[in-house]
Protein backbone atom coordinates (compact mmCIF):
# COMPACT_ATOMS: atom_id res chain seq x y z
CA UNK A 1 130.58 100.28 83.24
CA UNK A 2 127.02 99.29 83.37
CA UNK A 3 126.14 98.25 86.84
CA UNK A 4 125.62 94.31 87.50
CA UNK A 5 121.99 95.24 87.63
CA UNK A 6 119.00 97.86 86.40
CA UNK A 7 119.19 100.67 88.60
CA UNK A 8 115.78 101.20 90.21
CA UNK A 9 115.06 104.19 87.90
CA UNK A 10 114.98 101.65 84.74
CA UNK A 11 112.78 98.98 86.80
CA UNK A 12 108.86 100.16 86.06
CA UNK A 13 106.97 100.73 89.08
CA UNK A 14 104.29 98.21 89.88
CA UNK A 15 102.73 100.22 92.80
CA UNK A 16 100.70 103.51 91.30
CA UNK A 17 100.39 105.17 94.66
CA UNK A 18 103.22 105.46 97.32
CA UNK A 19 102.64 103.97 100.45
CA UNK A 20 103.09 105.68 103.51
CA UNK A 21 105.36 104.07 106.20
CA UNK A 22 102.97 102.55 108.99
CA UNK A 23 103.81 101.62 112.62
CA UNK A 24 104.40 98.06 113.41
CA UNK A 25 101.45 96.31 113.51
CA UNK A 26 100.06 95.34 116.59
CA UNK A 27 97.93 92.27 117.34
CA UNK A 28 94.69 93.86 117.24
CA UNK A 29 95.87 95.81 113.94
CA UNK A 30 96.26 92.27 112.72
CA UNK A 31 93.12 90.97 113.50
CA UNK A 32 91.33 93.93 111.97
CA UNK A 33 93.75 93.68 108.98
CA UNK A 34 92.24 89.58 108.90
CA UNK A 35 88.19 90.86 108.63
CA UNK A 36 88.77 93.26 106.52
CA UNK A 37 87.50 91.47 103.23
CA UNK A 38 90.12 93.50 100.88
CA UNK A 39 93.45 92.12 101.22
CA UNK A 40 96.32 95.04 101.21
CA UNK A 41 98.33 95.58 98.27
CA UNK A 42 101.32 95.15 100.50
CA UNK A 43 100.23 91.54 101.59
CA UNK A 44 99.29 90.26 98.19
CA UNK A 45 102.72 89.41 97.62
CA UNK A 46 103.63 88.10 101.12
CA UNK A 47 102.09 84.68 100.00
CA UNK A 48 104.81 83.75 97.70
CA UNK A 49 107.71 84.91 99.06
CA UNK A 50 108.57 83.08 102.08
CA UNK A 51 110.87 84.49 104.49
CA UNK A 52 113.83 82.00 103.69
CA UNK A 53 113.18 82.73 100.15
CA UNK A 54 114.07 86.84 101.10
CA UNK A 55 116.91 85.72 103.13
CA UNK A 56 118.26 83.38 99.98
CA UNK A 57 117.67 86.72 97.53
CA UNK A 58 119.43 88.83 100.06
CA UNK A 59 122.42 86.72 100.83
CA UNK A 60 123.03 85.63 97.13
CA UNK A 61 122.56 89.39 95.75
CA UNK A 62 125.02 90.21 98.84
CA UNK A 63 127.56 87.83 97.52
CA UNK A 64 127.01 88.05 93.45
CA UNK A 65 125.62 91.59 92.82
CA UNK A 66 124.01 90.15 89.75
CA UNK A 67 120.21 89.54 89.99
CA UNK A 68 120.38 87.43 86.92
CA UNK A 69 122.72 85.34 88.53
CA UNK A 70 120.56 84.81 91.36
CA UNK A 71 117.49 84.12 89.26
CA UNK A 72 119.27 81.53 87.46
CA UNK A 73 121.40 80.01 90.32
CA UNK A 74 118.92 80.12 93.74
CA UNK A 75 116.50 77.39 94.11
CA UNK A 76 113.92 79.27 95.96
CA UNK A 77 110.18 77.79 97.24
CA UNK A 78 108.66 78.55 94.07
CA UNK A 79 109.74 79.50 90.50
CA UNK A 80 109.82 83.35 90.07
CA UNK A 81 110.19 85.01 87.03
CA UNK A 82 113.59 87.25 86.78
CA UNK A 83 111.38 90.56 87.20
CA UNK A 84 109.54 89.02 90.17
CA UNK A 85 113.43 88.20 91.43
CA UNK A 86 114.35 92.26 90.76
CA UNK A 87 110.83 93.61 91.87
CA UNK A 88 111.31 91.66 95.39
CA UNK A 89 114.71 93.24 95.57
CA UNK A 90 113.69 96.72 94.89
CA UNK A 91 110.77 96.27 97.59
CA UNK A 92 113.00 94.89 100.29
CA UNK A 93 115.34 98.12 99.53
CA UNK A 94 113.22 101.08 98.79
CA UNK A 95 109.36 100.05 100.33
CA UNK A 96 109.35 100.53 104.19
CA UNK A 97 106.60 98.37 104.77
CA UNK A 98 107.47 95.53 102.63
CA UNK A 99 111.07 95.66 104.35
CA UNK A 100 109.52 96.27 107.53
CA UNK A 101 107.36 93.00 107.47
CA UNK A 102 110.41 90.61 105.61
CA UNK A 103 112.68 91.13 108.19
CA UNK A 104 110.40 90.61 111.30
CA UNK A 105 109.49 87.23 109.40
CA UNK A 106 113.23 86.60 108.77
CA UNK A 107 114.04 87.24 112.04
CA UNK A 108 111.49 84.39 113.56
CA UNK A 109 113.38 81.77 111.20
CA UNK A 110 114.89 79.07 113.22
CA UNK A 111 118.58 79.33 113.40
CA UNK A 112 119.29 75.42 111.87
CA UNK A 113 116.87 77.11 109.00
CA UNK A 114 119.47 80.15 108.74
CA UNK A 115 122.50 78.16 108.71
CA UNK A 116 121.03 75.61 106.08
CA UNK A 117 120.07 78.89 103.98
CA UNK A 118 123.61 80.41 104.31
CA UNK A 119 125.21 76.78 103.18
CA UNK A 120 123.29 77.29 99.96
CA UNK A 121 124.78 80.79 98.98
CA UNK A 122 126.03 81.02 95.48
CA UNK A 123 129.75 81.35 95.16
CA UNK A 124 130.91 84.66 94.00
CA UNK A 125 133.21 85.56 91.19
CA UNK A 126 135.98 86.36 93.34
CA UNK A 127 135.47 83.08 95.29
CA UNK A 128 135.68 80.63 92.44
CA UNK A 129 138.76 82.72 91.35
CA UNK A 130 140.55 81.69 94.39
CA UNK A 131 139.41 78.28 94.32
CA UNK A 132 140.24 77.79 90.55
CA UNK A 133 144.21 78.51 91.58
CA UNK A 134 143.79 75.03 93.50
CA UNK A 135 145.63 72.76 91.02
CA UNK A 136 143.64 70.28 89.28
CA UNK A 137 146.02 67.46 89.54
CA UNK A 138 146.57 68.06 93.17
CA UNK A 139 144.59 65.97 95.77
CA UNK A 140 143.64 68.96 97.75
CA UNK A 141 142.70 68.06 101.33
CA UNK A 142 140.37 69.67 103.76
CA UNK A 143 143.28 71.52 105.16
CA UNK A 144 144.23 73.17 101.76
CA UNK A 145 140.74 74.74 101.64
CA UNK A 146 140.74 75.93 105.10
CA UNK A 147 144.26 77.53 104.42
CA UNK A 148 142.15 79.28 101.84
CA UNK A 149 139.50 80.33 103.93
CA UNK A 150 142.07 81.72 106.74
CA UNK A 151 144.02 83.68 104.11
CA UNK A 152 141.12 85.52 102.33
CA UNK A 153 138.19 86.03 105.16
CA UNK A 154 137.29 89.32 103.00
CA UNK A 155 136.40 87.24 99.89
CA UNK A 156 134.58 83.98 101.34
CA UNK A 157 131.09 83.95 102.63
CA UNK A 158 131.35 84.30 106.36
CA UNK A 159 129.71 80.61 106.82
CA UNK A 160 131.59 78.88 104.34
CA UNK A 161 133.57 75.92 105.33
CA UNK A 162 136.65 73.99 104.00
CA UNK A 163 134.07 70.80 103.21
CA UNK A 164 131.70 73.37 101.10
CA UNK A 165 134.93 74.81 99.39
CA UNK A 166 136.10 71.03 98.85
CA UNK A 167 132.59 70.24 97.08
CA UNK A 168 132.43 73.49 95.14
CA UNK A 169 136.21 72.90 93.69
CA UNK A 170 135.14 69.34 92.83
CA UNK A 171 132.40 70.76 90.59
CA UNK A 172 134.80 73.13 89.27
CA UNK A 173 136.84 70.54 88.29
CA UNK A 174 134.61 68.43 86.68
CA UNK A 175 133.32 71.38 84.31
CA UNK A 176 137.11 72.25 83.69
CA UNK A 177 136.68 75.77 85.41
CA UNK A 178 140.04 75.43 86.93
CA UNK A 179 143.07 77.92 85.99
CA UNK A 180 145.34 74.82 85.08
CA UNK A 181 142.56 72.91 82.62
CA UNK A 182 141.76 73.76 79.40
């Protein structure tokens, strides 16, 4: 079967010359970079992809394994094309400089910002499958969803709450996506 997203060999290389990994930039190096008139190839992309976007991207891909779903379902800080989403994902995976800079930036996000991002992570097929088993006619309480979380810790994203599951179940019910709905 085909992998859910194109393999690196299928994605056109946007960087023509390989970039050698460099040591972590020191403040003095950062100042020199600012002074130099020509922006580095590496930093030109940093402006549009915010640390919050990278965290959203990483969490969503790990949860869904599907870059197309991520492109369609995640609300980033600006509209990225599917290709931009794919290229950013491969840059984070395979470009040592970009991934190092991105990781440093993500580490500096405020814990509340991180929690807010984690609360928006897309639901995976496996999560939705478990939710779809909750009968549409039942009036599930928060306890019902707490129980689901408790029974399937390996399926649900770590920061999911019973309330988040309940809200998603209600959406699924509204769109007739539950197992007992036609």
